[in-house]
């Protein structure tokens, strides 16, 4: 995604991931999401945006992630906090997970 940041044009690697969880695992899921969001934003300089959302469809959530480039997203997946927290998230999913990449209109 091309955007202006501090007056400079950059290319970003951005996507939204949608997921459904088992309702009885909601508290565990939300806690893990908050933990991952905090660790990512505090420790990864190339992360432009990282935020989990509750969707209006019952038991549905999404995360919007944006990194300066695809390599930084790959590096994110190798961080210790990712390796520690993501398995907790995965245990809460009902199997539904869709990742959609976002590109600017002018690309």
PDB file of N, CA and C in Angstrom:
ATOM      1  N   UNK A   1       0.855  -1.163   0.000  1.00  0.00           N
ATOM      2  CA  UNK A   1       0.000   0.000   0.000  1.00  0.00           C
ATOM      3  C   UNK A   1       0.899   1.224   0.000  1.00  0.00           C
ATOM      4  N   UNK A   2       0.698   2.097  -0.898  1.00  0.00           N
ATOM      5  CA  UNK A   2       1.468   3.323  -0.968  1.00  0.00           C
ATOM      6  C   UNK A   2       0.768   4.370  -0.109  1.00  0.00           C
ATOM      7  N   UNK A   3       1.521   5.020   0.741  1.00  0.00           N
ATOM      8  CA  UNK A   3       0.921   6.045   1.584  1.00  0.00           C
ATOM      9  C   UNK A   3       1.971   7.080   1.925  1.00  0.00           C
ATOM     10  N   UNK A   4       1.512   8.228   2.398  1.00  0.00           N
ATOM     11  CA  UNK A   4       2.436   9.263   2.831  1.00  0.00           C
ATOM     12  C   UNK A   4       2.695   9.114   4.316  1.00  0.00           C
ATOM     13  N   UNK A   5       3.940   9.082   4.670  1.00  0.00           N
ATOM     14  CA  UNK A   5       4.341   9.049   6.066  1.00  0.00           C
ATOM     15  C   UNK A   5       5.426  10.095   6.230  1.00  0.00           C
ATOM     16  N   UNK A   6       5.154  11.108   7.045  1.00  0.00           N
ATOM     17  CA  UNK A   6       6.098  12.190   7.286  1.00  0.00           C
ATOM     18  C   UNK A   6       6.617  12.788   5.981  1.00  0.00           C
ATOM     19  N   UNK A   7       5.704  12.980   5.028  1.00  0.00           N
ATOM     20  CA  UNK A   7       6.077  13.643   3.791  1.00  0.00           C
ATOM     21  C   UNK A   7       6.754  12.761   2.758  1.00  0.00           C
ATOM     22  N   UNK A   8       6.984  11.498   3.065  1.00  0.00           N
ATOM     23  CA  UNK A   8       7.633  10.600   2.118  1.00  0.00           C
ATOM     24  C   UNK A   8       6.659   9.522   1.681  1.00  0.00           C
ATOM     25  N   UNK A   9       6.793   9.091   0.447  1.00  0.00           N
ATOM     26  CA  UNK A   9       5.943   8.023  -0.069  1.00  0.00           C
ATOM     27  C   UNK A   9       6.645   6.694   0.218  1.00  0.00           C
ATOM     28  N   UNK A  10       5.914   5.777   0.825  1.00  0.00           N
ATOM     29  CA  UNK A  10       6.485   4.462   1.107  1.00  0.00           C
ATOM     30  C   UNK A  10       5.546   3.389   0.568  1.00  0.00           C
ATOM     31  N   UNK A  11       6.076   2.223   0.348  1.00  0.00           N
ATOM     32  CA  UNK A  11       5.261   1.074  -0.029  1.00  0.00           C
ATOM     33  C   UNK A  11       5.126   0.212   1.220  1.00  0.00           C
ATOM     34  N   UNK A  12       3.917  -0.177   1.535  1.00  0.00           N
ATOM     35  CA  UNK A  12       3.686  -0.985   2.726  1.00  0.00           C
ATOM     36  C   UNK A  12       3.054  -2.313   2.332  1.00  0.00           C
ATOM     37  N   UNK A  13       3.284  -3.289   3.175  1.00  0.00           N
ATOM     38  CA  UNK A  13       2.705  -4.618   3.035  1.00  0.00           C
ATOM     39  C   UNK A  13       1.571  -4.678   4.053  1.00  0.00           C
ATOM     40  N   UNK A  14       0.324  -4.673   3.574  1.00  0.00           N
ATOM     41  CA  UNK A  14      -0.832  -4.542   4.456  1.00  0.00           C
ATOM     42  C   UNK A  14      -1.865  -5.611   4.149  1.00  0.00           C
ATOM     43  N   UNK A  15      -2.450  -6.152   5.209  1.00  0.00           N
ATOM     44  CA  UNK A  15      -3.527  -7.124   5.013  1.00  0.00           C
ATOM     45  C   UNK A  15      -4.482  -7.100   6.191  1.00  0.00           C
ATOM     46  N   UNK A  16      -5.649  -7.672   5.950  1.00  0.00           N
ATOM     47  CA  UNK A  16      -6.621  -7.902   7.011  1.00  0.00           C
ATOM     48  C   UNK A  16      -6.821  -9.408   7.097  1.00  0.00           C
ATOM     49  N   UNK A  17      -6.805  -9.919   8.305  1.00  0.00           N
ATOM     50  CA  UNK A  17      -7.076 -11.344   8.527  1.00  0.00           C
ATOM     51  C   UNK A  17      -8.358 -11.443   9.345  1.00  0.00           C
ATOM     52  N   UNK A  18      -9.293 -12.228   8.844  1.00  0.00           N
ATOM     53  CA  UNK A  18     -10.573 -12.430   9.533  1.00  0.00           C
ATOM     54  C   UNK A  18     -10.600 -13.848  10.085  1.00  0.00           C
ATOM     55  N   UNK A  19     -11.162 -13.982  11.281  1.00  0.00           N
ATOM     56  CA  UNK A  19     -11.199 -15.294  11.919  1.00  0.00           C
ATOM     57  C   UNK A  19     -12.426 -15.436  12.799  1.00  0.00           C
ATOM     58  N   UNK A  20     -12.831 -16.665  13.018  1.00  0.00           N
ATOM     59  CA  UNK A  20     -13.928 -16.979  13.944  1.00  0.00           C
ATOM     60  C   UNK A  20     -13.353 -17.836  15.054  1.00  0.00           C
ATOM     61  N   UNK A  21     -13.895 -17.623  16.257  1.00  0.00           N
ATOM     62  CA  UNK A  21     -13.399 -18.366  17.413  1.00  0.00           C
ATOM     63  C   UNK A  21     -14.515 -19.189  18.046  1.00  0.00           C
ATOM     64  N   UNK A  22     -14.091 -20.155  18.858  1.00  0.00           N
ATOM     65  CA  UNK A  22     -15.042 -20.890  19.690  1.00  0.00           C
ATOM     66  C   UNK A  22     -15.487 -19.935  20.801  1.00  0.00           C
ATOM     67  N   UNK A  23     -16.784 -19.743  21.005  1.00  0.00           N
ATOM     68  CA  UNK A  23     -17.263 -18.749  21.979  1.00  0.00           C
ATOM     69  C   UNK A  23     -16.740 -18.964  23.393  1.00  0.00           C
ATOM     70  N   UNK A  24     -16.553 -20.195  23.792  1.00  0.00           N
ATOM     71  CA  UNK A  24     -16.073 -20.464  25.151  1.00  0.00           C
ATOM     72  C   UNK A  24     -14.600 -20.095  25.342  1.00  0.00           C
ATOM     73  N   UNK A  25     -13.903 -19.766  24.253  1.00  0.00           N
ATOM     74  CA  UNK A  25     -12.483 -19.395  24.341  1.00  0.00           C
ATOM     75  C   UNK A  25     -12.265 -17.899  24.137  1.00  0.00           C
ATOM     76  N   UNK A  26     -13.351 -17.132  24.200  1.00  0.00           N
ATOM     77  CA  UNK A  26     -13.277 -15.699  23.946  1.00  0.00           C
ATOM     78  C   UNK A  26     -12.263 -14.983  24.840  1.00  0.00           C
ATOM     79  N   UNK A  27     -12.328 -15.201  26.145  1.00  0.00           N
ATOM     80  CA  UNK A  27     -11.437 -14.485  27.063  1.00  0.00           C
ATOM     81  C   UNK A  27      -9.974 -14.783  26.775  1.00  0.00           C
ATOM     82  N   UNK A  28      -9.660 -16.042  26.542  1.00  0.00           N
ATOM     83  CA  UNK A  28      -8.287 -16.438  26.213  1.00  0.00           C
ATOM     84  C   UNK A  28      -7.844 -15.770  24.917  1.00  0.00           C
ATOM     85  N   UNK A  29      -8.731 -15.771  23.933  1.00  0.00           N
ATOM     86  CA  UNK A  29      -8.419 -15.182  22.632  1.00  0.00           C
ATOM     87  C   UNK A  29      -8.149 -13.683  22.760  1.00  0.00           C
ATOM     88  N   UNK A  30      -9.038 -12.963  23.415  1.00  0.00           N
ATOM     89  CA  UNK A  30      -8.895 -11.510  23.554  1.00  0.00           C
ATOM     90  C   UNK A  30      -7.615 -11.165  24.314  1.00  0.00           C
ATOM     91  N   UNK A  31      -7.324 -11.894  25.362  1.00  0.00           N
ATOM     92  CA  UNK A  31      -6.102 -11.649  26.138  1.00  0.00           C
ATOM     93  C   UNK A  31      -4.857 -11.861  25.272  1.00  0.00           C
ATOM     94  N   UNK A  32      -4.841 -12.928  24.495  1.00  0.00           N
ATOM     95  CA  UNK A  32      -3.699 -13.206  23.622  1.00  0.00           C
ATOM     96  C   UNK A  32      -3.571 -12.139  22.532  1.00  0.00           C
ATOM     97  N   UNK A  33      -4.694 -11.689  21.978  1.00  0.00           N
ATOM     98  CA  UNK A  33      -4.671 -10.625  20.964  1.00  0.00           C
ATOM     99  C   UNK A  33      -4.054  -9.354  21.534  1.00  0.00           C
ATOM    100  N   UNK A  34      -4.484  -8.972  22.718  1.00  0.00           N
ATOM    101  CA  UNK A  34      -3.968  -7.761  23.346  1.00  0.00           C
ATOM    102  C   UNK A  34      -2.474  -7.887  23.636  1.00  0.00           C
ATOM    103  N   UNK A  35      -2.058  -9.056  24.058  1.00  0.00           N
ATOM    104  CA  UNK A  35      -0.646  -9.306  24.347  1.00  0.00           C
ATOM    105  C   UNK A  35       0.195  -9.211  23.066  1.00  0.00           C
ATOM    106  N   UNK A  36      -0.281  -9.820  21.987  1.00  0.00           N
ATOM    107  CA  UNK A  36       0.452  -9.795  20.722  1.00  0.00           C
ATOM    108  C   UNK A  36       0.497  -8.388  20.133  1.00  0.00           C
ATOM    109  N   UNK A  37      -0.611  -7.695  20.199  1.00  0.00           N
ATOM    110  CA  UNK A  37      -0.680  -6.320  19.695  1.00  0.00           C
ATOM    111  C   UNK A  37       0.340  -5.437  20.411  1.00  0.00           C
ATOM    112  N   UNK A  38       0.361  -5.508  21.719  1.00  0.00           N
ATOM    113  CA  UNK A  38       1.280  -4.693  22.527  1.00  0.00           C
ATOM    114  C   UNK A  38       2.734  -5.033  22.226  1.00  0.00           C
ATOM    115  N   UNK A  39       3.069  -6.317  22.218  1.00  0.00           N
ATOM    116  CA  UNK A  39       4.449  -6.745  21.974  1.00  0.00           C
ATOM    117  C   UNK A  39       4.917  -6.343  20.578  1.00  0.00           C
ATOM    118  N   UNK A  40       4.046  -6.471  19.601  1.00  0.00           N
ATOM    119  CA  UNK A  40       4.412  -6.124  18.224  1.00  0.00           C
ATOM    120  C   UNK A  40       4.671  -4.633  18.093  1.00  0.00           C
ATOM    121  N   UNK A  41       3.759  -3.815  18.595  1.00  0.00           N
ATOM    122  CA  UNK A  41       3.900  -2.366  18.467  1.00  0.00           C
ATOM    123  C   UNK A  41       5.095  -1.832  19.255  1.00  0.00           C
ATOM    124  N   UNK A  42       5.401  -2.449  20.372  1.00  0.00           N
ATOM    125  CA  UNK A  42       6.511  -1.978  21.203  1.00  0.00           C
ATOM    126  C   UNK A  42       7.875  -2.444  20.710  1.00  0.00           C
ATOM    127  N   UNK A  43       7.927  -3.543  19.974  1.00  0.00           N
ATOM    128  CA  UNK A  43       9.219  -4.155  19.662  1.00  0.00           C
ATOM    129  C   UNK A  43       9.595  -4.222  18.188  1.00  0.00           C
ATOM    130  N   UNK A  44       8.696  -3.845  17.294  1.00  0.00           N
ATOM    131  CA  UNK A  44       8.988  -3.997  15.871  1.00  0.00           C
ATOM    132  C   UNK A  44       8.906  -2.655  15.162  1.00  0.00           C
ATOM    133  N   UNK A  45      10.079  -2.087  14.878  1.00  0.00           N
ATOM    134  CA  UNK A  45      10.154  -0.755  14.281  1.00  0.00           C
ATOM    135  C   UNK A  45       9.482  -0.648  12.923  1.00  0.00           C
ATOM    136  N   UNK A  46       9.535  -1.685  12.119  1.00  0.00           N
ATOM    137  CA  UNK A  46       8.963  -1.629  10.777  1.00  0.00           C
ATOM    138  C   UNK A  46       7.466  -1.851  10.729  1.00  0.00           C
ATOM    139  N   UNK A  47       6.843  -1.987  11.896  1.00  0.00           N
ATOM    140  CA  UNK A  47       5.396  -2.183  11.953  1.00  0.00           C
ATOM    141  C   UNK A  47       4.720  -0.816  11.907  1.00  0.00           C
ATOM    142  N   UNK A  48       3.884  -0.619  10.893  1.00  0.00           N
ATOM    143  CA  UNK A  48       3.182   0.652  10.724  1.00  0.00           C
ATOM    144  C   UNK A  48       1.830   0.658  11.428  1.00  0.00           C
ATOM    145  N   UNK A  49       1.195  -0.509  11.483  1.00  0.00           N
ATOM    146  CA  UNK A  49      -0.134  -0.611  12.094  1.00  0.00           C
ATOM    147  C   UNK A  49      -0.378  -2.063  12.465  1.00  0.00           C
ATOM    148  N   UNK A  50      -0.957  -2.271  13.646  1.00  0.00           N
ATOM    149  CA  UNK A  50      -1.234  -3.638  14.106  1.00  0.00           C
ATOM    150  C   UNK A  50      -2.355  -3.555  15.127  1.00  0.00           C
ATOM    151  N   UNK A  51      -3.565  -3.945  14.725  1.00  0.00           N
ATOM    152  CA  UNK A  51      -4.713  -3.767  15.612  1.00  0.00           C
ATOM    153  C   UNK A  51      -5.746  -4.864  15.386  1.00  0.00           C
ATOM    154  N   UNK A  52      -6.201  -5.468  16.488  1.00  0.00           N
ATOM    155  CA  UNK A  52      -7.272  -6.461  16.450  1.00  0.00           C
ATOM    156  C   UNK A  52      -8.616  -5.767  16.643  1.00  0.00           C
ATOM    157  N   UNK A  53      -9.645  -6.324  16.008  1.00  0.00           N
ATOM    158  CA  UNK A  53     -10.996  -5.783  16.094  1.00  0.00           C
ATOM    159  C   UNK A  53     -12.005  -6.899  16.313  1.00  0.00           C
ATOM    160  N   UNK A  54     -13.067  -6.584  17.036  1.00  0.00           N
ATOM    161  CA  UNK A  54     -14.231  -7.466  17.161  1.00  0.00           C
ATOM    162  C   UNK A  54     -15.161  -7.087  16.026  1.00  0.00           C
ATOM    163  N   UNK A  55     -15.575  -8.065  15.228  1.00  0.00           N
ATOM    164  CA  UNK A  55     -16.511  -7.809  14.138  1.00  0.00           C
ATOM    165  C   UNK A  55     -17.942  -7.948  14.645  1.00  0.00           C
ATOM    166  N   UNK A  56     -18.889  -7.456  13.898  1.00  0.00           N
ATOM    167  CA  UNK A  56     -20.291  -7.505  14.333  1.00  0.00           C
ATOM    168  C   UNK A  56     -20.898  -8.888  14.190  1.00  0.00           C
ATOM    169  N   UNK A  57     -20.339  -9.713  13.346  1.00  0.00           N
ATOM    170  CA  UNK A  57     -20.769 -11.101  13.213  1.00  0.00           C
ATOM    171  C   UNK A  57     -20.291 -11.852  14.460  1.00  0.00           C
ATOM    172  N   UNK A  58     -21.188 -12.545  15.120  1.00  0.00           N
ATOM    173  CA  UNK A  58     -20.884 -13.197  16.389  1.00  0.00           C
ATOM    174  C   UNK A  58     -19.638 -14.084  16.312  1.00  0.00           C
ATOM    175  N   UNK A  59     -18.779 -13.949  17.303  1.00  0.00           N
ATOM    176  CA  UNK A  59     -17.546 -14.731  17.444  1.00  0.00           C
ATOM    177  C   UNK A  59     -16.548 -14.490  16.321  1.00  0.00           C
ATOM    178  N   UNK A  60     -16.657 -13.356  15.660  1.00  0.00           N
ATOM    179  CA  UNK A  60     -15.767 -13.026  14.547  1.00  0.00           C
ATOM    180  C   UNK A  60     -14.857 -11.863  14.917  1.00  0.00           C
ATOM    181  N   UNK A  61     -13.605 -11.992  14.512  1.00  0.00           N
ATOM    182  CA  UNK A  61     -12.585 -10.995  14.809  1.00  0.00           C
ATOM    183  C   UNK A  61     -11.756 -10.747  13.564  1.00  0.00           C
ATOM    184  N   UNK A  62     -10.992  -9.662  13.592  1.00  0.00           N
ATOM    185  CA  UNK A  62     -10.079  -9.360  12.493  1.00  0.00           C
ATOM    186  C   UNK A  62      -8.856  -8.662  13.061  1.00  0.00           C
ATOM    187  N   UNK A  63      -7.771  -8.766  12.331  1.00  0.00           N
ATOM    188  CA  UNK A  63      -6.576  -7.998  12.642  1.00  0.00           C
ATOM    189  C   UNK A  63      -6.148  -7.318  11.350  1.00  0.00           C
ATOM    190  N   UNK A  64      -5.794  -6.048  11.469  1.00  0.00           N
ATOM    191  CA  UNK A  64      -5.217  -5.326  10.341  1.00  0.00           C
ATOM    192  C   UNK A  64      -3.745  -5.133  10.668  1.00  0.00           C
ATOM    193  N   UNK A  65      -2.903  -5.599   9.761  1.00  0.00           N
ATOM    194  CA  UNK A  65      -1.459  -5.506   9.949  1.00  0.00           C
ATOM    195  C   UNK A  65      -0.852  -4.761   8.775  1.00  0.00           C
ATOM    196  N   UNK A  66       0.087  -3.886   9.073  1.00  0.00           N
ATOM    197  CA  UNK A  66       0.799  -3.176   8.022  1.00  0.00           C
ATOM    198  C   UNK A  66       2.264  -3.041   8.428  1.00  0.00           C
ATOM    199  N   UNK A  67       3.124  -3.497   7.541  1.00  0.00           N
ATOM    200  CA  UNK A  67       4.569  -3.420   7.744  1.00  0.00           C
ATOM    201  C   UNK A  67       5.179  -2.650   6.579  1.00  0.00           C
ATOM    202  N   UNK A  68       6.356  -2.110   6.779  1.00  0.00           N
ATOM    203  CA  UNK A  68       7.008  -1.343   5.723  1.00  0.00           C
ATOM    204  C   UNK A  68       7.217  -2.171   4.463  1.00  0.00           C
ATOM    205  N   UNK A  69       7.402  -3.489   4.624  1.00  0.00           N
ATOM    206  CA  UNK A  69       7.570  -4.370   3.471  1.00  0.00           C
ATOM    207  C   UNK A  69       7.273  -5.811   3.887  1.00  0.00           C
ATOM    208  N   UNK A  70       7.210  -6.690   2.910  1.00  0.00           N
ATOM    209  CA  UNK A  70       6.862  -8.086   3.175  1.00  0.00           C
ATOM    210  C   UNK A  70       7.914  -8.783   4.038  1.00  0.00           C
ATOM    211  N   UNK A  71       9.161  -8.410   3.872  1.00  0.00           N
ATOM    212  CA  UNK A  71      10.232  -9.023   4.658  1.00  0.00           C
ATOM    213  C   UNK A  71      10.051  -8.753   6.154  1.00  0.00           C
ATOM    214  N   UNK A  72       9.551  -7.566   6.489  1.00  0.00           N
ATOM    215  CA  UNK A  72       9.324  -7.252   7.903  1.00  0.00           C
ATOM    216  C   UNK A  72       8.149  -8.038   8.466  1.00  0.00           C
ATOM    217  N   UNK A  73       7.155  -8.344   7.640  1.00  0.00           N
ATOM    218  CA  UNK A  73       6.078  -9.228   8.084  1.00  0.00           C
ATOM    219  C   UNK A  73       6.637 -10.625   8.337  1.00  0.00           C
ATOM    220  N   UNK A  74       7.501 -11.095   7.452  1.00  0.00           N
ATOM    221  CA  UNK A  74       8.124 -12.407   7.648  1.00  0.00           C
ATOM    222  C   UNK A  74       8.974 -12.420   8.916  1.00  0.00           C
ATOM    223  N   UNK A  75       9.699 -11.325   9.166  1.00  0.00           N
ATOM    224  CA  UNK A  75      10.505 -11.215  10.387  1.00  0.00           C
ATOM    225  C   UNK A  75       9.605 -11.203  11.624  1.00  0.00           C
ATOM    226  N   UNK A  76       8.464 -10.543  11.514  1.00  0.00           N
ATOM    227  CA  UNK A  76       7.484 -10.509  12.606  1.00  0.00           C
ATOM    228  C   UNK A  76       7.095 -11.931  13.015  1.00  0.00           C
ATOM    229  N   UNK A  77       6.910 -12.792  12.026  1.00  0.00           N
ATOM    230  CA  UNK A  77       6.503 -14.168  12.295  1.00  0.00           C
ATOM    231  C   UNK A  77       7.618 -15.001  12.933  1.00  0.00           C
ATOM    232  N   UNK A  78       8.827 -14.466  12.952  1.00  0.00           N
ATOM    233  CA  UNK A  78       9.954 -15.169  13.569  1.00  0.00           C
ATOM    234  C   UNK A  78      10.296 -14.628  14.958  1.00  0.00           C
ATOM    235  N   UNK A  79       9.589 -13.587  15.401  1.00  0.00           N
ATOM    236  CA  UNK A  79       9.885 -13.016  16.718  1.00  0.00           C
ATOM    237  C   UNK A  79       9.456 -13.980  17.820  1.00  0.00           C
ATOM    238  N   UNK A  80      10.103 -13.846  18.958  1.00  0.00           N
ATOM    239  CA  UNK A  80       9.762 -14.726  20.078  1.00  0.00           C
ATOM    240  C   UNK A  80       8.338 -14.490  20.558  1.00  0.00           C
ATOM    241  N   UNK A  81       7.911 -13.216  20.602  1.00  0.00           N
ATOM    242  CA  UNK A  81       6.544 -12.966  21.073  1.00  0.00           C
ATOM    243  C   UNK A  81       5.515 -13.584  20.126  1.00  0.00           C
ATOM    244  N   UNK A  82       5.764 -13.560  18.826  1.00  0.00           N
ATOM    245  CA  UNK A  82       4.851 -14.202  17.872  1.00  0.00           C
ATOM    246  C   UNK A  82       4.801 -15.708  18.132  1.00  0.00           C
ATOM    247  N   UNK A  83       5.968 -16.317  18.269  1.00  0.00           N
ATOM    248  CA  UNK A  83       6.042 -17.770  18.493  1.00  0.00           C
ATOM    249  C   UNK A  83       5.400 -18.185  19.814  1.00  0.00           C
ATOM    250  N   UNK A  84       5.463 -17.313  20.810  1.00  0.00           N
ATOM    251  CA  UNK A  84       4.881 -17.627  22.122  1.00  0.00           C
ATOM    252  C   UNK A  84       3.360 -17.430  22.151  1.00  0.00           C
ATOM    253  N   UNK A  85       2.862 -16.417  21.462  1.00  0.00           N
ATOM    254  CA  UNK A  85       1.459 -16.019  21.594  1.00  0.00           C
ATOM    255  C   UNK A  85       0.548 -16.627  20.532  1.00  0.00           C
ATOM    256  N   UNK A  86       1.003 -16.720  19.304  1.00  0.00           N
ATOM    257  CA  UNK A  86       0.131 -17.181  18.216  1.00  0.00           C
ATOM    258  C   UNK A  86      -0.438 -18.584  18.450  1.00  0.00           C
ATOM    259  N   UNK A  87       0.322 -19.524  19.005  1.00  0.00           N
ATOM    260  CA  UNK A  87      -0.301 -20.832  19.281  1.00  0.00           C
ATOM    261  C   UNK A  87      -1.519 -20.731  20.205  1.00  0.00           C
ATOM    262  N   UNK A  88      -1.492 -19.796  21.156  1.00  0.00           N
ATOM    263  CA  UNK A  88      -2.652 -19.581  22.035  1.00  0.00           C
ATOM    264  C   UNK A  88      -3.857 -19.103  21.225  1.00  0.00           C
ATOM    265  N   UNK A  89      -3.596 -18.208  20.265  1.00  0.00           N
ATOM    266  CA  UNK A  89      -4.673 -17.710  19.398  1.00  0.00           C
ATOM    267  C   UNK A  89      -5.243 -18.831  18.540  1.00  0.00           C
ATOM    268  N   UNK A  90      -4.358 -19.613  17.964  1.00  0.00           N
ATOM    269  CA  UNK A  90      -4.779 -20.677  17.047  1.00  0.00           C
ATOM    270  C   UNK A  90      -5.673 -21.705  17.743  1.00  0.00           C
ATOM    271  N   UNK A  91      -5.413 -21.968  19.017  1.00  0.00           N
ATOM    272  CA  UNK A  91      -6.231 -22.922  19.776  1.00  0.00           C
ATOM    273  C   UNK A  91      -7.672 -22.432  19.946  1.00  0.00           C
ATOM    274  N   UNK A  92      -7.884 -21.139  19.800  1.00  0.00           N
ATOM    275  CA  UNK A  92      -9.216 -20.556  19.985  1.00  0.00           C
ATOM    276  C   UNK A  92     -10.045 -20.533  18.705  1.00  0.00           C
ATOM    277  N   UNK A  93      -9.398 -20.682  17.556  1.00  0.00           N
ATOM    278  CA  UNK A  93     -10.102 -20.578  16.276  1.00  0.00           C
ATOM    279  C   UNK A  93     -10.969 -21.793  16.014  1.00  0.00           C
ATOM    280  N   UNK A  94     -12.075 -21.550  15.325  1.00  0.00           N
ATOM    281  CA  UNK A  94     -12.958 -22.662  14.950  1.00  0.00           C
ATOM    282  C   UNK A  94     -12.577 -23.236  13.585  1.00  0.00           C
ATOM    283  N   UNK A  95     -11.469 -22.794  13.044  1.00  0.00           N
ATOM    284  CA  UNK A  95     -11.008 -23.264  11.739  1.00  0.00           C
ATOM    285  C   UNK A  95     -11.153 -22.226  10.649  1.00  0.00           C
ATOM    286  N   UNK A  96     -11.918 -21.181  10.912  1.00  0.00           N
ATOM    287  CA  UNK A  96     -12.136 -20.131   9.923  1.00  0.00           C
ATOM    288  C   UNK A  96     -11.045 -19.072  10.042  1.00  0.00           C
ATOM    289  N   UNK A  97     -10.260 -18.909   8.974  1.00  0.00           N
ATOM    290  CA  UNK A  97      -9.211 -17.892   8.930  1.00  0.00           C
ATOM    291  C   UNK A  97      -9.009 -17.503   7.473  1.00  0.00           C
ATOM    292  N   UNK A  98      -9.164 -16.218   7.167  1.00  0.00           N
ATOM    293  CA  UNK A  98      -8.993 -15.720   5.802  1.00  0.00           C
ATOM    294  C   UNK A  98      -8.101 -14.490   5.855  1.00  0.00           C
ATOM    295  N   UNK A  99      -7.088 -14.469   5.005  1.00  0.00           N
ATOM    296  CA  UNK A  99      -6.174 -13.333   4.915  1.00  0.00           C
ATOM    297  C   UNK A  99      -6.383 -12.657   3.564  1.00  0.00           C
ATOM    298  N   UNK A 100      -6.661 -11.341   3.594  1.00  0.00           N
ATOM    299  CA  UNK A 100      -6.876 -10.571   2.374  1.00  0.00           C
ATOM    300  C   UNK A 100      -5.855  -9.437   2.318  1.00  0.00           C
ATOM    301  N   UNK A 101      -5.136  -9.363   1.214  1.00  0.00           N
ATOM    302  CA  UNK A 101      -4.112  -8.336   1.058  1.00  0.00           C
ATOM    303  C   UNK A 101      -4.731  -7.064   0.501  1.00  0.00           C
ATOM    304  N   UNK A 102      -4.262  -5.931   0.992  1.00  0.00           N
ATOM    305  CA  UNK A 102      -4.788  -4.626   0.607  1.00  0.00           C
ATOM    306  C   UNK A 102      -3.754  -3.892  -0.240  1.00  0.00           C
ATOM    307  N   UNK A 103      -4.170  -3.437  -1.399  1.00  0.00           N
ATOM    308  CA  UNK A 103      -3.310  -2.659  -2.285  1.00  0.00           C
ATOM    309  C   UNK A 103      -3.970  -1.313  -2.537  1.00  0.00           C
ATOM    310  N   UNK A 104      -3.171  -0.264  -2.733  1.00  0.00           N
ATOM    311  CA  UNK A 104      -3.752   1.046  -2.997  1.00  0.00           C
ATOM    312  C   UNK A 104      -4.483   1.059  -4.337  1.00  0.00           C
ATOM    313  N   UNK A 105      -5.423   1.940  -4.466  1.00  0.00           N
ATOM    314  CA  UNK A 105      -6.190   2.056  -5.706  1.00  0.00           C
ATOM    315  C   UNK A 105      -5.302   2.386  -6.903  1.00  0.00           C
ATOM    316  N   UNK A 106      -4.211   3.107  -6.657  1.00  0.00           N
ATOM    317  CA  UNK A 106      -3.348   3.536  -7.761  1.00  0.00           C
ATOM    318  C   UNK A 106      -2.233   2.546  -8.076  1.00  0.00           C
ATOM    319  N   UNK A 107      -2.325   1.320  -7.557  1.00  0.00           N
ATOM    320  CA  UNK A 107      -1.247   0.351  -7.829  1.00  0.00           C
ATOM    321  C   UNK A 107      -1.505  -0.432  -9.094  1.00  0.00           C
TER     322      UNK A 107
END
